[in-house]
All heavy atoms as atom14 arrays in JSON, in Angstrom:
{
  "sequence": "QTMRRCWREAGLSAAVALGETPFISVLQGRCVGGSSVLT",
  "atom14_mask": [
    [1, 1, 1, 1, 1, 1, 1, 1, 1, 0, 0, 0, 0, 0],
    [1, 1, 1, 1, 1, 1, 1, 0, 0, 0, 0, 0, 0, 0],
    [1, 1, 1, 1, 1, 1, 1, 1, 0, 0, 0, 0, 0, 0],
    [1, 1, 1, 1, 1, 1, 1, 1, 1, 1, 1, 0, 0, 0],
    [1, 1, 1, 1, 1, 1, 1, 1, 1, 1, 1, 0, 0, 0],
    [1, 1, 1, 1, 1, 1, 0, 0, 0, 0, 0, 0, 0, 0],
    [1, 1, 1, 1, 1, 1, 1, 1, 1, 1, 1, 1, 1, 1],
    [1, 1, 1, 1, 1, 1, 1, 1, 1, 1, 1, 0, 0, 0],
    [1, 1, 1, 1, 1, 1, 1, 1, 1, 0, 0, 0, 0, 0],
    [1, 1, 1, 1, 1, 0, 0, 0, 0, 0, 0, 0, 0, 0],
    [1, 1, 1, 1, 0, 0, 0, 0, 0, 0, 0, 0, 0, 0],
    [1, 1, 1, 1, 1, 1, 1, 1, 0, 0, 0, 0, 0, 0],
    [1, 1, 1, 1, 1, 1, 0, 0, 0, 0, 0, 0, 0, 0],
    [1, 1, 1, 1, 1, 0, 0, 0, 0, 0, 0, 0, 0, 0],
    [1, 1, 1, 1, 1, 0, 0, 0, 0, 0, 0, 0, 0, 0],
    [1, 1, 1, 1, 1, 1, 1, 0, 0, 0, 0, 0, 0, 0],
    [1, 1, 1, 1, 1, 0, 0, 0, 0, 0, 0, 0, 0, 0],
    [1, 1, 1, 1, 1, 1, 1, 1, 0, 0, 0, 0, 0, 0],
    [1, 1, 1, 1, 0, 0, 0, 0, 0, 0, 0, 0, 0, 0],
    [1, 1, 1, 1, 1, 1, 1, 1, 1, 0, 0, 0, 0, 0],
    [1, 1, 1, 1, 1, 1, 1, 0, 0, 0, 0, 0, 0, 0],
    [1, 1, 1, 1, 1, 1, 1, 0, 0, 0, 0, 0, 0, 0],
    [1, 1, 1, 1, 1, 1, 1, 1, 1, 1, 1, 0, 0, 0],
    [1, 1, 1, 1, 1, 1, 1, 1, 0, 0, 0, 0, 0, 0],
    [1, 1, 1, 1, 1, 1, 0, 0, 0, 0, 0, 0, 0, 0],
    [1, 1, 1, 1, 1, 1, 1, 0, 0, 0, 0, 0, 0, 0],
    [1, 1, 1, 1, 1, 1, 1, 1, 0, 0, 0, 0, 0, 0],
    [1, 1, 1, 1, 1, 1, 1, 1, 1, 0, 0, 0, 0, 0],
    [1, 1, 1, 1, 0, 0, 0, 0, 0, 0, 0, 0, 0, 0],
    [1, 1, 1, 1, 1, 1, 1, 1, 1, 1, 1, 0, 0, 0],
    [1, 1, 1, 1, 1, 1, 0, 0, 0, 0, 0, 0, 0, 0],
    [1, 1, 1, 1, 1, 1, 1, 0, 0, 0, 0, 0, 0, 0],
    [1, 1, 1, 1, 0, 0, 0, 0, 0, 0, 0, 0, 0, 0],
    [1, 1, 1, 1, 0, 0, 0, 0, 0, 0, 0, 0, 0, 0],
    [1, 1, 1, 1, 1, 1, 0, 0, 0, 0, 0, 0, 0, 0],
    [1, 1, 1, 1, 1, 1, 0, 0, 0, 0, 0, 0, 0, 0],
    [1, 1, 1, 1, 1, 1, 1, 0, 0, 0, 0, 0, 0, 0],
    [1, 1, 1, 1, 1, 1, 1, 1, 0, 0, 0, 0, 0, 0],
    [1, 1, 1, 1, 1, 1, 1, 0, 0, 0, 0, 0, 0, 0]
  ],
  "atom14_positions": [
    [[29.69, -7.06, -7.13], [29.4, -6.48, -5.85], [30.6, -6.73, -4.9], [30.96, -5.82, -4.11], [28.16, -7.13, -5.2], [26.85, -6.69, -5.86], [25.69, -7.49, -5.44], [25.76, -8.68, -5.15], [24.54, -6.82, -5.35], [0.0, 0.0, 0.0], [0.0, 0.0, 0.0], [0.0, 0.0, 0.0], [0.0, 0.0, 0.0], [0.0, 0.0, 0.0]],
    [[31.22, -7.92, -5.0], [32.39, -8.21, -4.18], [33.55, -7.29, -4.49], [34.14, -6.74, -3.58], [32.8, -9.66, -4.35], [31.76, -10.55, -3.99], [34.01, -10.01, -3.47], [0.0, 0.0, 0.0], [0.0, 0.0, 0.0], [0.0, 0.0, 0.0], [0.0, 0.0, 0.0], [0.0, 0.0, 0.0], [0.0, 0.0, 0.0], [0.0, 0.0, 0.0]],
    [[33.75, -7.06, -5.79], [34.84, -6.11, -6.15], [34.59, -4.7, -5.65], [35.5, -4.04, -5.16], [34.98, -6.15, -7.7], [35.62, -7.42, -8.19], [35.81, -7.38, -10.03], [37.29, -6.34, -10.16], [0.0, 0.0, 0.0], [0.0, 0.0, 0.0], [0.0, 0.0, 0.0], [0.0, 0.0, 0.0], [0.0, 0.0, 0.0], [0.0, 0.0, 0.0]],
    [[33.36, -4.24, -5.81], [33.05, -2.87, -5.37], [33.1, -2.72, -3.83], [33.6, -1.67, -3.34], [31.61, -2.48, -5.8], [31.47, -2.25, -7.27], [30.11, -1.81, -7.62], [29.99, -1.52, -9.03], [28.95, -1.76, -9.73], [27.87, -2.21, -9.17], [28.91, -1.51, -11.06], [0.0, 0.0, 0.0], [0.0, 0.0, 0.0], [0.0, 0.0, 0.0]],
    [[32.71, -3.71, -3.14], [32.6, -3.6, -1.7], [33.85, -4.03, -0.93], [34.13, -3.57, 0.14], [31.43, -4.45, -1.23], [31.07, -4.2, 0.13], [29.59, -4.26, 0.38], [29.33, -4.19, 1.75], [28.42, -4.94, 2.36], [27.64, -5.7, 1.68], [28.25, -4.87, 3.66], [0.0, 0.0, 0.0], [0.0, 0.0, 0.0], [0.0, 0.0, 0.0]],
    [[34.62, -5.01, -1.47], [35.7, -5.68, -0.67], [37.09, -5.45, -1.29], [38.01, -5.73, -0.57], [35.42, -7.15, -0.52], [33.86, -7.54, 0.27], [0.0, 0.0, 0.0], [0.0, 0.0, 0.0], [0.0, 0.0, 0.0], [0.0, 0.0, 0.0], [0.0, 0.0, 0.0], [0.0, 0.0, 0.0], [0.0, 0.0, 0.0], [0.0, 0.0, 0.0]],
    [[37.18, -5.04, -2.53], [38.51, -4.91, -3.11], [38.96, -3.43, -3.12], [38.15, -2.55, -3.36], [38.48, -5.35, -4.62], [38.27, -6.8, -4.82], [37.4, -7.6, -4.18], [38.87, -7.57, -5.87], [37.46, -8.89, -4.72], [38.34, -8.9, -5.75], [39.78, -7.32, -6.85], [38.73, -9.9, -6.61], [40.18, -8.31, -7.7], [39.64, -9.62, -7.57]],
    [[40.22, -3.26, -2.77], [40.78, -1.89, -2.88], [40.7, -1.45, -4.37], [41.04, -2.19, -5.23], [42.24, -1.85, -2.4], [42.89, -0.48, -2.56], [44.24, -0.47, -1.93], [44.24, -0.83, -0.52], [43.78, -0.03, 0.49], [43.3, 1.12, 0.22], [43.81, -0.46, 1.72], [0.0, 0.0, 0.0], [0.0, 0.0, 0.0], [0.0, 0.0, 0.0]],
    [[40.24, -0.21, -4.54], [40.15, 0.44, -5.85], [39.3, -0.5, -6.81], [39.61, -0.53, -8.01], [41.49, 0.74, -6.41], [42.26, 1.75, -5.58], [43.68, 1.98, -6.09], [44.01, 1.63, -7.21], [44.45, 2.58, -5.32], [0.0, 0.0, 0.0], [0.0, 0.0, 0.0], [0.0, 0.0, 0.0], [0.0, 0.0, 0.0], [0.0, 0.0, 0.0]],
    [[38.34, -1.27, -6.22], [37.46, -2.1, -7.03], [38.26, -3.06, -7.93], [37.83, -3.41, -9.0], [36.47, -1.3, -7.88], [0.0, 0.0, 0.0], [0.0, 0.0, 0.0], [0.0, 0.0, 0.0], [0.0, 0.0, 0.0], [0.0, 0.0, 0.0], [0.0, 0.0, 0.0], [0.0, 0.0, 0.0], [0.0, 0.0, 0.0], [0.0, 0.0, 0.0]],
    [[39.42, -3.48, -7.45], [40.23, -4.51, -8.21], [41.04, -3.88, -9.32], [41.59, -4.64, -10.1], [0.0, 0.0, 0.0], [0.0, 0.0, 0.0], [0.0, 0.0, 0.0], [0.0, 0.0, 0.0], [0.0, 0.0, 0.0], [0.0, 0.0, 0.0], [0.0, 0.0, 0.0], [0.0, 0.0, 0.0], [0.0, 0.0, 0.0], [0.0, 0.0, 0.0]],
    [[41.22, -2.6, -9.35], [41.95, -1.97, -10.45], [43.41, -1.63, -10.02], [44.1, -0.96, -10.83], [41.26, -0.7, -10.9], [39.83, -0.92, -11.4], [39.19, 0.45, -11.7], [39.84, -1.82, -12.58], [0.0, 0.0, 0.0], [0.0, 0.0, 0.0], [0.0, 0.0, 0.0], [0.0, 0.0, 0.0], [0.0, 0.0, 0.0], [0.0, 0.0, 0.0]],
    [[43.86, -2.06, -8.9], [45.28, -1.82, -8.53], [46.15, -2.68, -9.4], [45.87, -3.83, -9.69], [45.48, -2.26, -7.07], [44.71, -1.45, -6.23], [0.0, 0.0, 0.0], [0.0, 0.0, 0.0], [0.0, 0.0, 0.0], [0.0, 0.0, 0.0], [0.0, 0.0, 0.0], [0.0, 0.0, 0.0], [0.0, 0.0, 0.0], [0.0, 0.0, 0.0]],
    [[47.29, -2.15, -9.79], [48.2, -2.88, -10.62], [49.65, -2.49, -10.29], [49.93, -1.44, -9.88], [47.98, -2.61, -12.09], [0.0, 0.0, 0.0], [0.0, 0.0, 0.0], [0.0, 0.0, 0.0], [0.0, 0.0, 0.0], [0.0, 0.0, 0.0], [0.0, 0.0, 0.0], [0.0, 0.0, 0.0], [0.0, 0.0, 0.0], [0.0, 0.0, 0.0]],
    [[50.54, -3.49, -10.45], [51.96, -3.26, -10.31], [52.51, -3.1, -11.74], [52.31, -4.0, -12.57], [52.66, -4.37, -9.58], [0.0, 0.0, 0.0], [0.0, 0.0, 0.0], [0.0, 0.0, 0.0], [0.0, 0.0, 0.0], [0.0, 0.0, 0.0], [0.0, 0.0, 0.0], [0.0, 0.0, 0.0], [0.0, 0.0, 0.0], [0.0, 0.0, 0.0]],
    [[53.2, -2.01, -12.03], [53.71, -1.76, -13.39], [55.21, -1.92, -13.29], [55.88, -1.26, -12.53], [53.32, -0.34, -13.87], [53.86, -0.14, -15.27], [51.8, -0.15, -13.84], [0.0, 0.0, 0.0], [0.0, 0.0, 0.0], [0.0, 0.0, 0.0], [0.0, 0.0, 0.0], [0.0, 0.0, 0.0], [0.0, 0.0, 0.0], [0.0, 0.0, 0.0]],
    [[55.77, -2.79, -14.06], [57.2, -3.09, -14.08], [57.86, -2.15, -15.05], [57.26, -1.48, -15.84], [57.45, -4.53, -14.37], [0.0, 0.0, 0.0], [0.0, 0.0, 0.0], [0.0, 0.0, 0.0], [0.0, 0.0, 0.0], [0.0, 0.0, 0.0], [0.0, 0.0, 0.0], [0.0, 0.0, 0.0], [0.0, 0.0, 0.0], [0.0, 0.0, 0.0]],
    [[59.14, -2.19, -15.09], [60.01, -1.43, -16.04], [60.04, -2.16, -17.34], [60.0, -3.38, -17.4], [61.33, -1.22, -15.47], [61.42, -0.41, -14.17], [62.84, -0.36, -13.64], [60.86, 0.98, -14.35], [0.0, 0.0, 0.0], [0.0, 0.0, 0.0], [0.0, 0.0, 0.0], [0.0, 0.0, 0.0], [0.0, 0.0, 0.0], [0.0, 0.0, 0.0]],
    [[60.32, -1.49, -18.43], [60.52, -2.12, -19.69], [59.3, -2.73, -20.3], [58.18, -2.18, -20.09], [0.0, 0.0, 0.0], [0.0, 0.0, 0.0], [0.0, 0.0, 0.0], [0.0, 0.0, 0.0], [0.0, 0.0, 0.0], [0.0, 0.0, 0.0], [0.0, 0.0, 0.0], [0.0, 0.0, 0.0], [0.0, 0.0, 0.0], [0.0, 0.0, 0.0]],
    [[59.45, -3.82, -20.93], [58.31, -4.51, -21.65], [57.59, -5.49, -20.77], [56.71, -6.21, -21.24], [58.88, -5.17, -22.89], [59.44, -4.19, -23.89], [58.36, -3.17, -24.4], [57.23, -3.61, -24.7], [58.71, -2.01, -24.46], [0.0, 0.0, 0.0], [0.0, 0.0, 0.0], [0.0, 0.0, 0.0], [0.0, 0.0, 0.0], [0.0, 0.0, 0.0]],
    [[57.92, -5.62, -19.52], [57.24, -6.58, -18.64], [55.79, -6.12, -18.45], [55.53, -4.98, -18.23], [57.94, -6.6, -17.3], [59.31, -6.85, -17.44], [57.31, -7.62, -16.38], [0.0, 0.0, 0.0], [0.0, 0.0, 0.0], [0.0, 0.0, 0.0], [0.0, 0.0, 0.0], [0.0, 0.0, 0.0], [0.0, 0.0, 0.0], [0.0, 0.0, 0.0]],
    [[54.83, -7.03, -18.56], [53.45, -6.63, -18.43], [53.1, -6.27, -17.01], [53.76, -6.65, -16.04], [52.66, -7.9, -18.88], [53.62, -9.03, -18.6], [55.04, -8.44, -18.84], [0.0, 0.0, 0.0], [0.0, 0.0, 0.0], [0.0, 0.0, 0.0], [0.0, 0.0, 0.0], [0.0, 0.0, 0.0], [0.0, 0.0, 0.0], [0.0, 0.0, 0.0]],
    [[52.02, -5.47, -16.9], [51.61, -5.12, -15.59], [50.9, -6.24, -14.91], [50.4, -7.16, -15.61], [50.73, -3.84, -15.57], [49.31, -4.06, -16.04], [48.32, -4.4, -15.1], [48.96, -4.01, -17.39], [47.03, -4.67, -15.52], [47.64, -4.2, -17.83], [46.69, -4.56, -16.88], [0.0, 0.0, 0.0], [0.0, 0.0, 0.0], [0.0, 0.0, 0.0]],
    [[50.83, -6.29, -13.62], [50.25, -7.4, -12.85], [49.08, -6.8, -12.0], [49.34, -5.85, -11.29], [51.27, -8.11, -11.92], [52.36, -8.69, -12.81], [50.62, -9.18, -11.1], [53.56, -9.18, -11.97], [0.0, 0.0, 0.0], [0.0, 0.0, 0.0], [0.0, 0.0, 0.0], [0.0, 0.0, 0.0], [0.0, 0.0, 0.0], [0.0, 0.0, 0.0]],
    [[47.97, -7.4, -12.08], [46.85, -6.97, -11.22], [47.19, -7.35, -9.79], [47.66, -8.46, -9.53], [45.55, -7.65, -11.68], [44.51, -7.24, -10.83], [0.0, 0.0, 0.0], [0.0, 0.0, 0.0], [0.0, 0.0, 0.0], [0.0, 0.0, 0.0], [0.0, 0.0, 0.0], [0.0, 0.0, 0.0], [0.0, 0.0, 0.0], [0.0, 0.0, 0.0]],
    [[47.03, -6.45, -8.83], [47.42, -6.71, -7.47], [46.1, -6.87, -6.62], [45.3, -5.85, -6.58], [48.27, -5.55, -6.9], [48.6, -5.8, -5.44], [49.51, -5.41, -7.72], [0.0, 0.0, 0.0], [0.0, 0.0, 0.0], [0.0, 0.0, 0.0], [0.0, 0.0, 0.0], [0.0, 0.0, 0.0], [0.0, 0.0, 0.0], [0.0, 0.0, 0.0]],
    [[45.9, -7.98, -6.07], [44.73, -8.22, -5.28], [44.96, -7.67, -3.9], [45.87, -8.08, -3.18], [44.48, -9.74, -5.23], [43.3, -10.21, -4.34], [41.99, -9.75, -4.99], [43.34, -11.72, -4.25], [0.0, 0.0, 0.0], [0.0, 0.0, 0.0], [0.0, 0.0, 0.0], [0.0, 0.0, 0.0], [0.0, 0.0, 0.0], [0.0, 0.0, 0.0]],
    [[44.13, -6.65, -3.56], [44.2, -6.06, -2.18], [42.79, -5.92, -1.65], [41.91, -5.38, -2.3], [44.88, -4.63, -2.32], [46.26, -4.64, -2.85], [46.73, -3.22, -2.99], [47.13, -2.65, -2.0], [46.64, -2.66, -4.17], [0.0, 0.0, 0.0], [0.0, 0.0, 0.0], [0.0, 0.0, 0.0], [0.0, 0.0, 0.0], [0.0, 0.0, 0.0]],
    [[42.64, -6.41, -0.44], [41.36, -6.37, 0.22], [41.14, -5.03, 0.85], [42.07, -4.37, 1.3], [0.0, 0.0, 0.0], [0.0, 0.0, 0.0], [0.0, 0.0, 0.0], [0.0, 0.0, 0.0], [0.0, 0.0, 0.0], [0.0, 0.0, 0.0], [0.0, 0.0, 0.0], [0.0, 0.0, 0.0], [0.0, 0.0, 0.0], [0.0, 0.0, 0.0]],
    [[39.94, -4.6, 0.97], [39.51, -3.42, 1.67], [38.25, -3.78, 2.43], [37.16, -3.33, 2.1], [39.3, -2.25, 0.73], [39.13, -0.89, 1.47], [38.73, 0.14, 0.5], [37.42, -0.2, 0.0], [36.44, 0.65, -0.23], [36.64, 1.9, -0.03], [35.3, 0.25, -0.67], [0.0, 0.0, 0.0], [0.0, 0.0, 0.0], [0.0, 0.0, 0.0]],
    [[38.37, -4.67, 3.35], [37.27, -5.14, 4.2], [37.84, -5.8, 5.45], [39.07, -6.09, 5.47], [36.44, -6.17, 3.4], [37.35, -7.64, 2.8], [0.0, 0.0, 0.0], [0.0, 0.0, 0.0], [0.0, 0.0, 0.0], [0.0, 0.0, 0.0], [0.0, 0.0, 0.0], [0.0, 0.0, 0.0], [0.0, 0.0, 0.0], [0.0, 0.0, 0.0]],
    [[37.08, -6.11, 6.43], [37.54, -6.82, 7.62], [38.01, -8.15, 7.15], [37.3, -8.9, 6.54], [36.43, -6.89, 8.69], [36.89, -7.75, 9.82], [36.06, -5.51, 9.2], [0.0, 0.0, 0.0], [0.0, 0.0, 0.0], [0.0, 0.0, 0.0], [0.0, 0.0, 0.0], [0.0, 0.0, 0.0], [0.0, 0.0, 0.0], [0.0, 0.0, 0.0]],
    [[39.26, -8.44, 7.46], [39.88, -9.67, 6.99], [40.88, -9.4, 5.87], [41.67, -10.29, 5.51], [0.0, 0.0, 0.0], [0.0, 0.0, 0.0], [0.0, 0.0, 0.0], [0.0, 0.0, 0.0], [0.0, 0.0, 0.0], [0.0, 0.0, 0.0], [0.0, 0.0, 0.0], [0.0, 0.0, 0.0], [0.0, 0.0, 0.0], [0.0, 0.0, 0.0]],
    [[40.84, -8.25, 5.28], [41.78, -7.88, 4.24], [41.83, -8.77, 3.03], [40.82, -9.43, 2.69], [0.0, 0.0, 0.0], [0.0, 0.0, 0.0], [0.0, 0.0, 0.0], [0.0, 0.0, 0.0], [0.0, 0.0, 0.0], [0.0, 0.0, 0.0], [0.0, 0.0, 0.0], [0.0, 0.0, 0.0], [0.0, 0.0, 0.0], [0.0, 0.0, 0.0]],
    [[42.98, -8.89, 2.44], [43.08, -9.7, 1.17], [42.81, -11.17, 1.45], [42.48, -11.87, 0.53], [44.49, -9.51, 0.65], [44.73, -8.16, 0.35], [0.0, 0.0, 0.0], [0.0, 0.0, 0.0], [0.0, 0.0, 0.0], [0.0, 0.0, 0.0], [0.0, 0.0, 0.0], [0.0, 0.0, 0.0], [0.0, 0.0, 0.0], [0.0, 0.0, 0.0]],
    [[42.95, -11.6, 2.69], [42.67, -13.02, 3.03], [41.2, -13.39, 2.66], [40.99, -14.55, 2.25], [42.85, -13.26, 4.53], [44.2, -13.0, 4.87], [0.0, 0.0, 0.0], [0.0, 0.0, 0.0], [0.0, 0.0, 0.0], [0.0, 0.0, 0.0], [0.0, 0.0, 0.0], [0.0, 0.0, 0.0], [0.0, 0.0, 0.0], [0.0, 0.0, 0.0]],
    [[40.31, -12.48, 2.79], [38.89, -12.73, 2.44], [38.81, -13.07, 0.91], [38.07, -13.92, 0.5], [38.01, -11.53, 2.81], [36.61, -11.68, 2.25], [38.02, -11.32, 4.29], [0.0, 0.0, 0.0], [0.0, 0.0, 0.0], [0.0, 0.0, 0.0], [0.0, 0.0, 0.0], [0.0, 0.0, 0.0], [0.0, 0.0, 0.0], [0.0, 0.0, 0.0]],
    [[39.61, -12.34, 0.18], [39.49, -12.45, -1.32], [40.25, -13.61, -1.9], [39.9, -14.04, -3.0], [39.96, -11.15, -1.96], [39.37, -9.86, -1.45], [39.97, -8.63, -2.06], [37.82, -9.89, -1.62], [0.0, 0.0, 0.0], [0.0, 0.0, 0.0], [0.0, 0.0, 0.0], [0.0, 0.0, 0.0], [0.0, 0.0, 0.0], [0.0, 0.0, 0.0]],
    [[41.17, -14.15, -1.2], [41.95, -15.25, -1.74], [41.41, -16.62, -1.33], [42.07, -17.63, -1.62], [43.46, -15.16, -1.25], [43.4, -15.29, 0.25], [44.1, -13.91, -1.64], [0.0, 0.0, 0.0], [0.0, 0.0, 0.0], [0.0, 0.0, 0.0], [0.0, 0.0, 0.0], [0.0, 0.0, 0.0], [0.0, 0.0, 0.0], [0.0, 0.0, 0.0]]
  ]
}
């Protein structure tokens, strides 16, 4: 419920690097307080 309601894109945001570097899940809030609420 927290992911659906408070996370941007339900927590599916990712940073994709070049080459063989793995992608990193990017924590972004979408609620009053922003990402600070989630961290």
